[in-house]
Amino acid sequence: MEWSSAAKYNSFNGFKGLTYYENYKAILRWMDGDSYLPPPVEVNLDPIAECNLACYFCVGQRYLRDNRVEVGPMRKLPTDYMLRLVDYLAEWGVRGLCISGGGEPSLHEGIPAVINQAAHRGMDVALVSNVVAVSPELAEAIMHCRWLAMSVDAADAETYQTVKGRDSFASVVSNISRLVALREQTRSKVDLAFKMLILSENTHGIFQACRLARDLGVQDFHVRPADLERPDVKNHGKRLDDLSRVREQLEMCHELETDSFHVYTVTHKFDGAFRNQQNFSRCLMTPLLLPILTDGNVYMCVDKKMQDAYRLASCFPDPEAIGGWWGSNGHRDAVKTILPAVHCAENRCTGQCYNEQMEQVVLQDRMCLSFP
């Protein structure tokens, strides 16, 4: 069980992709030569290529620490540029802005203003953070977000230091408590999600972490296997030790659920051994999600950040430059070059369910859409 029947309509359920059905059809028409490509549903923005932790399993460690030259000279997007970018995205019709990393976004002093501006322009905003350092300004801005993903990955200080590389557990717990209190005080609707990636070093504490999340007063506990198969992650290929014990703890976590505390033990993108799997033959979903990185470039895939082969174009210093190449023949040709079995075999695909739905539901009509 990945979620309870009462919480099956959730953000982690891959079937939410079916709500993008009209986008799916438009993308497939465009792939067949139509000139119109709708704007992406979401833009994923990486504002800064720096981090205050040293998680060995982080998919950004390759260019954050090991090979910093990949990022180039611009490791931080100017605040005034991001505000102009938000205005352009809102006018273009992008619905969601996820501020993430590529780095730890809370290290950028302009993020509160960016969150507030996006919310003011009617966009849904989300933030992915390790919440090691949360300024009062950022805490207030978070109250305008749709959700906050808090990457904690541990249930105690010792495990935290082992997997995150820093002794910051106490600060993280304190900041989560502060955000919970502020949410109640302001009557904000932001979903605070305690997130945990399953690693060999923390498997013993999955249930303990879930209990901590509940006791802290957050709304969601989200746990899934870490992506350790990609070669640019340290210790790649490292296996989890006792899968039966992991599954047992995942089931125990669901026993802690209440009407106000939801548990999501997400494993549907993995096989029985928690290894990556692909159930599609073509990569078609990239126009749903547009990553913009600190180097001022736009990439095709959120799983291929800072990889030249997946760079689409630059949108710095002028955000409107996106309109010059979005939906162009060059853009279409770039999408067609992606061969999942060749290029994506070693990494988890964020859009796996969406690619599968485009093939199975739109192209093959496996759900008989003409009948309710």
Protein backbone atom coordinates (compact mmCIF):
# COMPACT_ATOMS: atom_id res chain seq x y z
CA MET A 1 0.00 0.00 0.00
CA GLU A 2 1.46 3.35 -1.07
CA TRP A 3 -1.37 5.45 0.40
CA SER A 4 -4.65 4.89 2.16
CA SER A 5 -7.92 4.77 0.24
CA ALA A 6 -8.90 8.05 1.88
CA ALA A 7 -5.80 9.74 0.45
CA LYS A 8 -5.63 8.21 -3.02
CA TYR A 9 -6.14 11.61 -4.68
CA ASN A 10 -2.71 12.95 -3.87
CA SER A 11 0.20 14.70 -5.52
CA PHE A 12 2.37 11.57 -5.47
CA ASN A 13 -0.12 9.40 -7.35
CA GLY A 14 1.16 9.03 -10.90
CA PHE A 15 -2.40 8.85 -12.21
CA LYS A 16 -2.69 12.59 -11.66
CA GLY A 17 -1.03 12.74 -15.06
CA LEU A 18 -4.41 11.94 -16.58
CA THR A 19 -5.48 15.45 -15.59
CA TYR A 20 -2.96 16.59 -18.24
CA TYR A 21 -4.82 14.68 -20.95
CA GLU A 22 -5.41 17.75 -23.12
CA ASN A 23 -1.71 18.62 -22.83
CA TYR A 24 -0.86 15.05 -23.81
CA LYS A 25 -2.93 15.31 -26.98
CA ALA A 26 -1.45 18.70 -27.90
CA ILE A 27 2.10 17.43 -27.36
CA LEU A 28 1.48 14.40 -29.57
CA ARG A 29 -0.01 16.59 -32.32
CA TRP A 30 3.06 18.80 -32.08
CA MET A 31 5.35 15.77 -32.27
CA ASP A 32 3.53 14.84 -35.48
CA GLY A 33 4.25 18.26 -36.99
CA ASP A 34 1.60 20.64 -35.62
CA SER A 35 3.03 24.11 -34.95
CA TYR A 36 1.39 24.69 -31.55
CA LEU A 37 2.93 23.47 -28.32
CA PRO A 38 1.17 24.58 -25.11
CA PRO A 39 3.27 26.10 -22.34
CA PRO A 40 4.62 23.70 -19.73
CA VAL A 41 2.40 22.98 -16.75
CA GLU A 42 5.33 23.65 -14.42
CA VAL A 43 8.68 25.39 -14.46
CA ASN A 44 11.34 23.94 -12.17
CA LEU A 45 13.67 26.76 -11.13
CA ASP A 46 17.12 26.28 -9.61
CA PRO A 47 18.15 29.69 -8.21
CA ILE A 48 21.58 28.84 -6.77
CA ALA A 49 24.20 26.14 -7.32
CA GLU A 50 25.45 25.98 -3.75
CA CYS A 51 24.46 23.79 -0.80
CA ASN A 52 25.02 23.75 2.96
CA LEU A 53 24.92 19.93 3.16
CA ALA A 54 26.94 17.12 1.58
CA CYS A 55 24.47 14.31 0.81
CA TYR A 56 26.35 11.61 -1.09
CA PHE A 57 23.14 10.46 -2.80
CA CYS A 58 22.24 13.90 -4.18
CA VAL A 59 21.85 13.90 -7.96
CA GLY A 60 23.40 17.39 -8.02
CA GLN A 61 26.62 16.56 -6.17
CA ARG A 62 28.35 15.98 -9.50
CA TYR A 63 28.28 19.66 -10.37
CA LEU A 64 27.73 21.17 -6.91
CA ARG A 65 30.95 19.77 -5.45
CA ASP A 66 32.84 17.27 -7.60
CA ASN A 67 33.00 19.11 -10.91
CA ARG A 68 31.96 22.68 -10.23
CA VAL A 69 33.20 23.88 -13.60
CA GLU A 70 30.11 22.28 -15.20
CA VAL A 71 27.94 25.10 -13.90
CA GLY A 72 30.03 27.86 -15.43
CA PRO A 73 30.58 31.36 -14.06
CA MET A 74 26.97 32.07 -13.05
CA ARG A 75 26.13 29.99 -9.97
CA LYS A 76 23.35 32.29 -8.76
CA LEU A 77 20.46 33.85 -10.66
CA PRO A 78 19.91 37.58 -9.95
CA THR A 79 16.75 38.32 -8.01
CA ASP A 80 15.53 40.97 -10.45
CA TYR A 81 15.88 38.47 -13.29
CA MET A 82 13.85 35.82 -11.45
CA LEU A 83 11.09 38.35 -10.77
CA ARG A 84 10.94 39.22 -14.49
CA LEU A 85 10.97 35.50 -15.27
CA VAL A 86 8.00 34.93 -12.95
CA ASP A 87 6.05 37.69 -14.68
CA TYR A 88 6.78 36.17 -18.08
CA LEU A 89 5.82 32.66 -16.99
CA ALA A 90 2.56 33.85 -15.45
CA GLU A 91 1.60 35.72 -18.63
CA TRP A 92 2.61 32.76 -20.78
CA GLY A 93 0.24 30.49 -18.87
CA VAL A 94 2.56 28.36 -16.73
CA ARG A 95 0.53 27.20 -13.72
CA GLY A 96 3.18 25.96 -11.29
CA LEU A 97 6.59 27.16 -10.15
CA CYS A 98 8.74 24.72 -8.18
CA ILE A 99 11.84 26.30 -6.64
CA SER A 100 14.36 23.57 -6.01
CA GLY A 101 17.98 22.48 -6.58
CA GLY A 102 20.58 22.10 -8.14
CA GLY A 103 21.53 23.60 -4.78
CA GLU A 104 19.73 24.73 -1.65
CA PRO A 105 17.29 27.54 -2.57
CA SER A 106 17.11 28.93 0.97
CA LEU A 107 20.72 30.15 0.48
CA HIS A 108 19.44 32.69 -2.07
CA GLU A 109 18.26 35.84 -0.31
CA GLY A 110 15.81 36.65 -3.11
CA ILE A 111 13.65 33.55 -2.81
CA PRO A 112 11.03 35.08 -0.46
CA ALA A 113 10.40 37.81 -3.02
CA VAL A 114 10.17 35.27 -5.86
CA ILE A 115 7.65 33.14 -3.94
CA ASN A 116 5.54 36.17 -3.10
CA GLN A 117 5.63 37.47 -6.66
CA ALA A 118 4.61 34.12 -8.16
CA ALA A 119 1.75 33.75 -5.67
CA HIS A 120 0.66 37.33 -6.40
CA ARG A 121 0.58 36.52 -10.12
CA GLY A 122 -1.75 33.58 -9.45
CA MET A 123 0.75 30.76 -9.82
CA ASP A 124 0.90 27.76 -7.51
CA VAL A 125 4.33 27.80 -5.86
CA ALA A 126 6.30 24.99 -4.25
CA LEU A 127 9.65 24.91 -2.52
CA VAL A 128 12.08 22.01 -2.04
CA SER A 129 14.46 22.67 0.85
CA ASN A 130 16.56 20.99 3.49
CA VAL A 131 15.21 23.63 5.96
CA VAL A 132 18.59 23.86 7.71
CA ALA A 133 18.37 27.65 7.59
CA VAL A 134 14.95 29.32 7.36
CA SER A 135 14.91 33.10 7.76
CA PRO A 136 11.80 34.82 9.12
CA GLU A 137 11.21 36.30 5.65
CA LEU A 138 11.39 32.88 4.02
CA ALA A 139 9.13 31.32 6.65
CA GLU A 140 6.47 33.95 5.96
CA ALA A 141 6.78 33.46 2.19
CA ILE A 142 6.43 29.69 2.57
CA MET A 143 2.96 30.30 3.97
CA HIS A 144 1.98 31.39 0.42
CA CYS A 145 3.21 28.11 -1.12
CA ARG A 146 1.05 25.20 -2.21
CA TRP A 147 3.52 22.80 -0.62
CA LEU A 148 6.95 22.63 0.97
CA ALA A 149 9.05 19.48 0.55
CA MET A 150 11.46 19.21 3.48
CA SER A 151 14.34 16.84 2.70
CA VAL A 152 15.20 15.35 6.08
CA ASP A 153 16.10 11.70 5.31
CA ALA A 154 16.72 10.68 8.93
CA ALA A 155 15.03 10.17 12.29
CA ASP A 156 17.93 11.01 14.59
CA ALA A 157 21.03 13.19 14.74
CA GLU A 158 23.54 10.38 14.23
CA THR A 159 21.90 9.03 11.08
CA TYR A 160 21.36 12.56 9.79
CA GLN A 161 25.05 13.36 10.01
CA THR A 162 25.92 10.08 8.31
CA VAL A 163 23.69 10.60 5.28
CA LYS A 164 23.70 14.40 5.05
CA GLY A 165 27.33 15.07 5.95
CA ARG A 166 26.56 17.77 8.54
CA ASP A 167 25.41 18.02 12.16
CA SER A 168 22.24 20.04 11.51
CA PHE A 169 19.46 17.75 12.72
CA ALA A 170 18.51 19.87 15.73
CA SER A 171 18.20 22.98 13.56
CA VAL A 172 16.03 21.12 11.07
CA VAL A 173 13.64 19.85 13.76
CA SER A 174 13.45 23.32 15.30
CA ASN A 175 12.69 24.95 11.94
CA ILE A 176 9.98 22.41 11.12
CA SER A 177 8.34 23.11 14.48
CA ARG A 178 8.50 26.84 13.75
CA LEU A 179 6.89 26.40 10.32
CA VAL A 180 4.13 24.22 11.77
CA ALA A 181 3.36 26.89 14.38
CA LEU A 182 3.38 29.67 11.78
CA ARG A 183 1.07 27.67 9.52
CA GLU A 184 -1.44 27.36 12.37
CA GLN A 185 -1.06 31.01 13.34
CA THR A 186 -1.60 32.32 9.78
CA ARG A 187 -4.17 29.65 8.83
CA SER A 188 -2.08 28.91 5.77
CA LYS A 189 -3.03 26.00 3.49
CA VAL A 190 0.56 25.06 2.69
CA ASP A 191 1.23 21.32 2.85
CA LEU A 192 4.36 20.67 4.90
CA ALA A 193 5.88 17.37 3.78
CA PHE A 194 8.62 15.56 5.71
CA LYS A 195 10.54 13.72 2.96
CA MET A 196 12.76 10.69 3.34
CA LEU A 197 14.80 8.85 0.73
CA ILE A 198 15.44 5.22 1.63
CA LEU A 199 19.17 4.50 1.98
CA SER A 200 21.04 1.58 3.46
CA GLU A 201 22.11 3.85 6.33
CA ASN A 202 18.58 4.89 7.36
CA THR A 203 16.42 1.83 6.70
CA HIS A 204 16.31 1.04 10.42
CA GLY A 205 14.67 4.38 11.15
CA ILE A 206 11.88 4.70 8.58
CA PHE A 207 9.06 4.14 11.07
CA GLN A 208 10.81 6.33 13.65
CA ALA A 209 11.06 9.14 11.10
CA CYS A 210 7.36 8.81 10.28
CA ARG A 211 6.48 9.03 13.95
CA LEU A 212 8.70 12.10 14.31
CA ALA A 213 6.96 13.74 11.35
CA ARG A 214 3.55 13.08 12.89
CA ASP A 215 4.62 14.39 16.29
CA LEU A 216 6.04 17.55 14.72
CA GLY A 217 2.62 18.29 13.23
CA VAL A 218 3.35 18.24 9.49
CA GLN A 219 0.68 17.19 7.01
CA ASP A 220 2.57 14.59 4.97
CA PHE A 221 5.26 11.96 5.36
CA HIS A 222 6.70 11.00 2.00
CA VAL A 223 9.21 8.17 1.64
CA ARG A 224 10.62 6.47 -1.45
CA PRO A 225 13.80 4.64 -2.53
CA ALA A 226 16.75 6.87 -3.42
CA ASP A 227 17.97 6.85 -7.01
CA LEU A 228 21.39 5.21 -6.58
CA GLU A 229 21.76 3.63 -10.00
CA ARG A 230 22.85 6.68 -11.96
CA PRO A 231 26.65 6.75 -12.41
CA ASP A 232 27.04 10.40 -11.40
CA VAL A 233 25.93 9.59 -7.81
CA LYS A 234 28.55 8.49 -5.32
CA ASN A 235 28.28 4.84 -4.27
CA HIS A 236 25.97 4.25 -7.23
CA GLY A 237 24.60 0.75 -7.44
CA LYS A 238 24.59 0.42 -3.65
CA ARG A 239 21.81 -1.99 -2.64
CA LEU A 240 19.41 -1.84 0.27
CA ASP A 241 20.15 -4.56 2.78
CA ASP A 242 16.89 -5.97 4.14
CA LEU A 243 14.01 -5.25 1.78
CA SER A 244 11.54 -7.26 3.83
CA ARG A 245 12.32 -5.10 6.87
CA VAL A 246 11.91 -1.97 4.75
CA ARG A 247 8.49 -3.10 3.51
CA GLU A 248 7.45 -3.99 7.04
CA GLN A 249 8.31 -0.49 8.24
CA LEU A 250 6.49 1.10 5.32
CA GLU A 251 3.34 -0.75 6.32
CA MET A 252 3.83 0.26 9.96
CA CYS A 253 4.01 3.90 8.88
CA HIS A 254 0.47 3.71 7.52
CA GLU A 255 -0.77 2.77 10.96
CA LEU A 256 0.16 6.28 12.10
CA GLU A 257 -2.16 7.99 9.63
CA THR A 258 -4.90 10.32 10.81
CA ASP A 259 -7.29 12.68 9.07
CA SER A 260 -4.63 15.39 9.25
CA PHE A 261 -1.47 13.31 8.78
CA HIS A 262 -1.01 11.39 5.53
CA VAL A 263 1.62 8.77 4.73
CA TYR A 264 2.89 8.20 1.19
CA THR A 265 5.23 5.23 0.76
CA VAL A 266 5.87 5.72 -2.94
CA THR A 267 7.36 2.74 -4.77
CA HIS A 268 5.43 2.48 -8.05
CA LYS A 269 8.33 3.76 -10.18
CA PHE A 270 10.53 0.90 -8.98
CA ASP A 271 10.57 -2.87 -9.35
CA GLY A 272 10.30 -5.37 -6.49
CA ALA A 273 13.94 -4.80 -5.55
CA PHE A 274 13.43 -1.01 -5.52
CA ARG A 275 15.43 -0.61 -8.72
CA ASN A 276 14.46 1.75 -11.54
CA GLN A 277 12.12 0.48 -14.23
CA GLN A 278 10.72 1.80 -17.50
CA ASN A 279 7.34 0.86 -18.95
CA PHE A 280 7.44 3.10 -22.02
CA SER A 281 9.34 3.21 -25.29
CA ARG A 282 9.43 6.96 -26.09
CA CYS A 283 10.07 10.09 -24.06
CA LEU A 284 7.12 12.35 -24.83
CA MET A 285 6.38 14.22 -21.61
CA THR A 286 9.27 16.70 -21.43
CA PRO A 287 7.13 19.67 -22.61
CA LEU A 288 5.07 19.32 -19.40
CA LEU A 289 7.97 20.36 -17.17
CA LEU A 290 10.64 22.95 -17.99
CA PRO A 291 13.83 23.13 -15.88
CA ILE A 292 15.62 26.51 -15.73
CA LEU A 293 19.02 26.37 -14.05
CA THR A 294 21.49 28.76 -12.48
CA ASP A 295 23.61 28.84 -15.63
CA GLY A 296 20.74 30.66 -17.33
CA ASN A 297 19.99 27.68 -19.54
CA VAL A 298 16.87 25.63 -20.08
CA TYR A 299 17.11 21.84 -20.18
CA MET A 300 14.77 19.25 -21.63
CA CYS A 301 14.64 16.99 -18.61
CA VAL A 302 14.64 17.55 -14.85
CA ASP A 303 16.61 14.30 -14.49
CA LYS A 304 19.36 15.51 -16.84
CA LYS A 305 20.35 18.81 -15.27
CA MET A 306 23.63 20.39 -16.34
CA GLN A 307 24.10 17.83 -19.11
CA ASP A 308 24.97 19.50 -22.43
CA ALA A 309 23.16 16.90 -24.52
CA TYR A 310 19.85 17.95 -22.92
CA ARG A 311 20.36 21.71 -23.03
CA LEU A 312 17.67 23.41 -25.10
CA ALA A 313 18.65 27.08 -25.09
CA SER A 314 19.41 30.07 -22.90
CA CYS A 315 16.77 32.32 -21.36
CA PHE A 316 19.18 34.72 -19.63
CA PRO A 317 19.15 37.70 -19.42
CA ASP A 318 15.86 37.91 -21.34
CA PRO A 319 13.09 35.51 -20.18
CA GLU A 320 11.13 36.23 -23.35
CA ALA A 321 13.83 34.39 -25.30
CA ILE A 322 11.94 31.22 -24.36
CA GLY A 323 9.24 32.16 -26.86
CA GLY A 324 11.80 32.17 -29.66
CA TRP A 325 12.55 28.46 -29.51
CA TRP A 326 9.69 26.85 -27.54
CA GLY A 327 7.77 24.62 -29.93
CA SER A 328 10.24 25.17 -32.77
CA ASN A 329 11.36 22.49 -35.19
CA GLY A 330 14.66 22.37 -33.33
CA HIS A 331 12.85 21.77 -30.06
CA ARG A 332 10.81 18.97 -31.62
CA ASP A 333 13.89 17.36 -33.15
CA ALA A 334 15.66 17.48 -29.77
CA VAL A 335 12.80 15.64 -28.06
CA LYS A 336 12.81 13.00 -30.79
CA THR A 337 16.49 12.23 -30.16
CA ILE A 338 15.81 10.93 -26.63
CA LEU A 339 15.89 7.14 -26.56
CA PRO A 340 14.80 6.01 -23.09
CA ALA A 341 16.34 2.55 -23.32
CA VAL A 342 19.69 4.11 -24.22
CA HIS A 343 19.82 7.51 -22.52
CA CYS A 344 17.71 6.92 -19.41
CA ALA A 345 18.42 3.34 -18.42
CA GLU A 346 20.59 4.39 -15.47
CA ASN A 347 18.33 6.94 -13.82
CA ARG A 348 14.85 7.10 -12.34
CA CYS A 349 12.47 8.87 -14.71
CA THR A 350 10.46 11.60 -12.97
CA GLY A 351 7.96 11.52 -15.83
CA GLN A 352 7.72 7.75 -16.11
CA CYS A 353 3.97 7.58 -15.43
CA TYR A 354 3.27 10.44 -17.82
CA ASN A 355 5.20 8.79 -20.65
CA GLU A 356 3.40 5.53 -20.00
CA GLN A 357 -0.01 7.26 -20.01
CA MET A 358 0.71 9.05 -23.27
CA GLU A 359 1.46 5.73 -24.93
CA GLN A 360 -1.20 3.59 -23.29
CA VAL A 361 -4.09 6.04 -22.86
CA VAL A 362 -3.75 8.55 -25.70
CA LEU A 363 -2.03 6.62 -28.46
CA GLN A 364 -3.52 3.17 -27.79
CA ASP A 365 -6.78 4.16 -26.00
CA ARG A 366 -6.43 1.33 -23.49
CA MET A 367 -9.03 2.99 -21.23
CA CYS A 368 -11.77 3.27 -23.92
CA LEU A 369 -12.17 7.00 -23.42
CA SER A 370 -15.42 7.18 -25.38
CA PHE A 371 -17.25 5.31 -22.62
CA PRO A 372 -17.79 6.83 -19.12
